[in-house]
Amino acid sequence: MYFTDRGIEELTSRRGEEEVSFEWLAEQFRAFVDLNPDFEVPVERLATWLARLDDEDEDDV
């Protein structure tokens, strides 16, 4: 189990029944990076990965 799995499990158990928009998610990413600028690159990579999930022309990142 990766360390991040704990956070993902907590997210699922606390908020798994909710529905959110990608606009809301993007705002949360921005707020998180504002508070934690050292995480700008990982958040950027995650956002880009999510944005390109359906791109068949792209190789896996």
N, C-alpha and C. Protein backbone atom coordinates (compact mmCIF):
# COMPACT_ATOMS: atom_id res chain seq x y z
N MET A 1 0.84 -1.19 0.00
CA MET A 1 0.00 0.00 0.00
C MET A 1 0.88 1.24 0.00
N TYR A 2 0.59 2.15 -0.90
CA TYR A 2 1.30 3.42 -0.93
C TYR A 2 0.77 4.34 0.17
N PHE A 3 1.60 5.26 0.60
CA PHE A 3 1.18 6.23 1.61
C PHE A 3 -0.05 7.00 1.13
N THR A 4 -0.09 7.34 -0.18
CA THR A 4 -1.21 8.12 -0.71
C THR A 4 -2.53 7.36 -0.63
N ASP A 5 -2.46 6.02 -0.56
CA ASP A 5 -3.69 5.25 -0.47
C ASP A 5 -4.51 5.61 0.76
N ARG A 6 -3.85 5.99 1.84
CA ARG A 6 -4.57 6.37 3.06
C ARG A 6 -5.42 7.60 2.82
N GLY A 7 -4.84 8.58 2.16
CA GLY A 7 -5.59 9.80 1.85
C GLY A 7 -6.72 9.54 0.88
N ILE A 8 -6.47 8.68 -0.10
CA ILE A 8 -7.52 8.34 -1.06
C ILE A 8 -8.65 7.59 -0.36
N GLU A 9 -8.31 6.68 0.53
CA GLU A 9 -9.32 5.95 1.29
C GLU A 9 -10.14 6.90 2.16
N GLU A 10 -9.48 7.87 2.79
CA GLU A 10 -10.21 8.84 3.62
C GLU A 10 -11.14 9.68 2.76
N LEU A 11 -10.65 10.11 1.60
CA LEU A 11 -11.49 10.88 0.68
C LEU A 11 -12.72 10.09 0.28
N THR A 12 -12.53 8.84 -0.05
CA THR A 12 -13.64 7.98 -0.45
C THR A 12 -14.64 7.80 0.69
N SER A 13 -14.14 7.56 1.89
CA SER A 13 -15.05 7.31 3.00
C SER A 13 -15.78 8.58 3.44
N ARG A 14 -15.13 9.73 3.36
CA ARG A 14 -15.76 10.97 3.82
C ARG A 14 -16.64 11.63 2.76
N ARG A 15 -16.22 11.54 1.48
CA ARG A 15 -16.90 12.31 0.45
C ARG A 15 -17.32 11.49 -0.75
N GLY A 16 -17.24 10.17 -0.62
CA GLY A 16 -17.50 9.29 -1.75
C GLY A 16 -18.89 9.36 -2.33
N GLU A 17 -19.85 9.81 -1.56
CA GLU A 17 -21.23 9.89 -2.04
C GLU A 17 -21.53 11.22 -2.74
N GLU A 18 -20.62 12.18 -2.65
CA GLU A 18 -20.85 13.51 -3.22
C GLU A 18 -20.55 13.53 -4.71
N GLU A 19 -21.19 14.46 -5.41
CA GLU A 19 -20.88 14.73 -6.80
C GLU A 19 -20.35 16.14 -6.88
N VAL A 20 -19.25 16.32 -7.62
CA VAL A 20 -18.64 17.64 -7.77
C VAL A 20 -18.34 17.88 -9.24
N SER A 21 -18.22 19.14 -9.59
CA SER A 21 -17.86 19.49 -10.97
C SER A 21 -16.35 19.61 -11.08
N PHE A 22 -15.86 19.54 -12.30
CA PHE A 22 -14.43 19.75 -12.50
C PHE A 22 -14.04 21.20 -12.22
N GLU A 23 -14.98 22.11 -12.39
CA GLU A 23 -14.73 23.50 -12.03
C GLU A 23 -14.46 23.62 -10.53
N TRP A 24 -15.27 22.95 -9.73
CA TRP A 24 -15.07 22.95 -8.27
C TRP A 24 -13.73 22.31 -7.93
N LEU A 25 -13.42 21.18 -8.57
CA LEU A 25 -12.15 20.50 -8.32
C LEU A 25 -10.96 21.39 -8.67
N ALA A 26 -11.05 22.08 -9.79
CA ALA A 26 -9.97 22.99 -10.20
C ALA A 26 -9.77 24.09 -9.17
N GLU A 27 -10.87 24.62 -8.62
CA GLU A 27 -10.76 25.64 -7.58
C GLU A 27 -10.07 25.09 -6.34
N GLN A 28 -10.37 23.85 -5.99
CA GLN A 28 -9.72 23.23 -4.82
C GLN A 28 -8.24 23.02 -5.08
N PHE A 29 -7.88 22.63 -6.30
CA PHE A 29 -6.46 22.51 -6.66
C PHE A 29 -5.76 23.85 -6.50
N ARG A 30 -6.40 24.91 -7.01
CA ARG A 30 -5.79 26.26 -6.90
C ARG A 30 -5.62 26.66 -5.44
N ALA A 31 -6.65 26.44 -4.64
CA ALA A 31 -6.57 26.81 -3.22
C ALA A 31 -5.48 26.02 -2.52
N PHE A 32 -5.36 24.73 -2.83
CA PHE A 32 -4.33 23.89 -2.22
C PHE A 32 -2.94 24.38 -2.59
N VAL A 33 -2.73 24.71 -3.86
CA VAL A 33 -1.41 25.20 -4.30
C VAL A 33 -1.11 26.56 -3.69
N ASP A 34 -2.13 27.42 -3.53
CA ASP A 34 -1.91 28.70 -2.86
C ASP A 34 -1.39 28.49 -1.45
N LEU A 35 -1.93 27.49 -0.76
CA LEU A 35 -1.52 27.21 0.62
C LEU A 35 -0.24 26.37 0.69
N ASN A 36 0.05 25.62 -0.37
CA ASN A 36 1.18 24.68 -0.40
C ASN A 36 1.93 24.80 -1.72
N PRO A 37 2.63 25.91 -1.94
CA PRO A 37 3.27 26.13 -3.24
C PRO A 37 4.29 25.06 -3.63
N ASP A 38 4.84 24.35 -2.68
CA ASP A 38 5.79 23.27 -3.01
C ASP A 38 5.13 22.13 -3.78
N PHE A 39 3.82 22.06 -3.75
CA PHE A 39 3.09 20.99 -4.44
C PHE A 39 2.57 21.42 -5.81
N GLU A 40 3.03 22.56 -6.30
CA GLU A 40 2.54 23.06 -7.59
C GLU A 40 2.77 22.05 -8.72
N VAL A 41 3.96 21.48 -8.80
CA VAL A 41 4.27 20.55 -9.89
C VAL A 41 3.43 19.27 -9.81
N PRO A 42 3.34 18.61 -8.65
CA PRO A 42 2.50 17.41 -8.60
C PRO A 42 1.02 17.69 -8.91
N VAL A 43 0.50 18.83 -8.45
CA VAL A 43 -0.89 19.17 -8.73
C VAL A 43 -1.07 19.44 -10.21
N GLU A 44 -0.10 20.12 -10.82
CA GLU A 44 -0.12 20.38 -12.26
C GLU A 44 -0.14 19.05 -13.03
N ARG A 45 0.70 18.12 -12.62
CA ARG A 45 0.75 16.82 -13.30
C ARG A 45 -0.55 16.05 -13.15
N LEU A 46 -1.12 16.07 -11.96
CA LEU A 46 -2.40 15.39 -11.74
C LEU A 46 -3.50 16.02 -12.58
N ALA A 47 -3.58 17.35 -12.59
CA ALA A 47 -4.61 18.04 -13.36
C ALA A 47 -4.45 17.74 -14.85
N THR A 48 -3.23 17.75 -15.35
CA THR A 48 -2.99 17.46 -16.76
C THR A 48 -3.36 16.03 -17.08
N TRP A 49 -3.01 15.09 -16.20
CA TRP A 49 -3.36 13.69 -16.41
C TRP A 49 -4.87 13.51 -16.46
N LEU A 50 -5.59 14.14 -15.53
CA LEU A 50 -7.05 14.05 -15.53
C LEU A 50 -7.64 14.65 -16.79
N ALA A 51 -7.09 15.77 -17.23
CA ALA A 51 -7.61 16.44 -18.42
C ALA A 51 -7.43 15.60 -19.67
N ARG A 52 -6.39 14.79 -19.71
CA ARG A 52 -6.06 14.03 -20.92
C ARG A 52 -6.45 12.55 -20.87
N LEU A 53 -7.21 12.14 -19.89
CA LEU A 53 -7.55 10.72 -19.75
C LEU A 53 -8.16 10.11 -21.01
N ASP A 54 -8.95 10.85 -21.71
CA ASP A 54 -9.62 10.32 -22.91
C ASP A 54 -8.84 10.51 -24.20
N ASP A 55 -7.68 11.11 -24.13
CA ASP A 55 -6.86 11.33 -25.33
C ASP A 55 -6.23 10.02 -25.77
N GLU A 56 -6.72 9.48 -26.86
CA GLU A 56 -6.18 8.22 -27.37
C GLU A 56 -4.86 8.42 -28.08
N ASP A 57 -4.61 9.63 -28.57
CA ASP A 57 -3.40 9.91 -29.31
C ASP A 57 -2.17 10.10 -28.42
N GLU A 58 -2.41 10.37 -27.16
CA GLU A 58 -1.32 10.63 -26.22
C GLU A 58 -0.78 9.33 -25.66
N ASP A 59 0.53 9.25 -25.49
CA ASP A 59 1.14 8.12 -24.78
C ASP A 59 0.91 8.32 -23.31
N ASP A 60 1.00 7.25 -22.55
CA ASP A 60 0.86 7.36 -21.09
C ASP A 60 1.95 8.28 -20.56
N VAL A 61 1.55 9.16 -19.64
CA VAL A 61 2.48 10.15 -19.06
C VAL A 61 3.12 9.57 -17.84
